[in-house]
Amino acid sequence: MYEGKFYVIKLNAIDLGQLLDGLETRAEAWEKTATYHRSGISPSDFIIEESSGAEEAEQIAKHYRSIISKIVKQTEHQP
């Protein structure tokens, strides 16, 4: 729906750090969900995300990692 549309968002360094931290947390949750689906083992401090299986969870985790990577690359090219 929005794939062809791009946005410019301005954040201060603290807010950017918070955004990246939140995305990192979500990526890790989906990576752990994929691991759970493959191994059946879940850490006690972890809530499994709802997904159809390891492949879906892995794809979602990769999407979060892709977003993080795009943001980091864009911030590296700024003064």
Protein backbone atom coordinates (compact mmCIF):
# COMPACT_ATOMS: atom_id res chain seq x y z
CA MET A 1 0.00 0.00 0.00
CA TYR A 2 2.76 2.50 0.90
CA GLU A 3 5.77 0.84 -0.75
CA GLY A 4 6.21 3.57 -3.37
CA LYS A 5 5.93 6.45 -0.94
CA PHE A 6 8.91 7.74 1.05
CA TYR A 7 9.00 9.93 4.14
CA VAL A 8 11.56 12.27 5.66
CA ILE A 9 11.38 12.21 9.44
CA LYS A 10 13.50 14.37 11.71
CA LEU A 11 14.43 13.04 15.14
CA ASN A 12 17.01 14.12 17.66
CA ALA A 13 19.74 11.63 18.59
CA ILE A 14 17.95 10.44 21.72
CA ASP A 15 14.70 9.76 19.89
CA LEU A 16 16.56 8.00 17.09
CA GLY A 17 18.28 5.80 19.65
CA GLN A 18 14.93 4.95 21.22
CA LEU A 19 13.46 4.12 17.81
CA LEU A 20 16.38 1.84 16.93
CA ASP A 21 16.21 0.19 20.35
CA GLY A 22 12.52 -0.56 19.86
CA LEU A 23 13.12 -2.00 16.40
CA GLU A 24 15.99 -4.10 17.76
CA THR A 25 13.72 -5.46 20.49
CA ARG A 26 11.07 -6.43 17.95
CA ALA A 27 13.63 -8.08 15.66
CA GLU A 28 14.98 -10.12 18.56
CA ALA A 29 11.47 -11.19 19.57
CA TRP A 30 10.78 -12.50 16.08
CA GLU A 31 14.20 -14.19 15.88
CA LYS A 32 13.49 -15.94 19.19
CA THR A 33 10.06 -16.94 17.90
CA ALA A 34 11.66 -18.51 14.82
CA THR A 35 14.12 -20.36 17.07
CA TYR A 36 11.24 -21.57 19.25
CA HIS A 37 9.39 -22.95 16.23
CA ARG A 38 12.51 -24.79 15.12
CA SER A 39 13.63 -26.14 18.50
CA GLY A 40 10.57 -26.09 20.73
CA ILE A 41 12.68 -24.36 23.39
CA SER A 42 11.61 -20.99 24.76
CA PRO A 43 13.47 -18.91 27.34
CA SER A 44 11.43 -18.27 30.48
CA ASP A 45 11.61 -14.48 30.00
CA PHE A 46 10.24 -14.58 26.46
CA ILE A 47 6.74 -14.40 25.02
CA ILE A 48 6.36 -16.12 21.66
CA GLU A 49 5.00 -13.93 18.87
CA GLU A 50 1.95 -15.18 17.01
CA SER A 51 2.99 -16.62 13.66
CA SER A 52 2.32 -19.55 11.38
CA GLY A 53 5.80 -20.95 11.95
CA ALA A 54 9.54 -20.43 11.83
CA GLU A 55 9.62 -19.21 8.24
CA GLU A 56 7.10 -16.44 8.82
CA ALA A 57 8.79 -15.37 12.05
CA GLU A 58 12.16 -15.32 10.32
CA GLN A 59 10.81 -13.17 7.46
CA ILE A 60 9.36 -10.67 9.93
CA ALA A 61 12.65 -10.55 11.84
CA LYS A 62 14.52 -9.94 8.56
CA HIS A 63 12.15 -7.09 7.74
CA TYR A 64 12.87 -5.43 11.10
CA ARG A 65 16.62 -5.89 10.51
CA SER A 66 16.21 -4.33 7.06
CA ILE A 67 14.49 -1.28 8.53
CA ILE A 68 17.25 -0.91 11.13
CA SER A 69 19.90 -1.17 8.43
CA LYS A 70 18.24 1.48 6.26
CA ILE A 71 18.00 3.91 9.16
CA VAL A 72 21.61 3.34 10.23
CA LYS A 73 22.90 3.80 6.66
CA GLN A 74 20.96 7.03 6.29
CA THR A 75 22.26 8.43 9.57
CA GLU A 76 25.86 7.57 8.64
CA HIS A 77 25.65 9.90 5.63
CA GLN A 78 24.62 12.91 7.68
CA PRO A 79 26.88 15.47 9.35
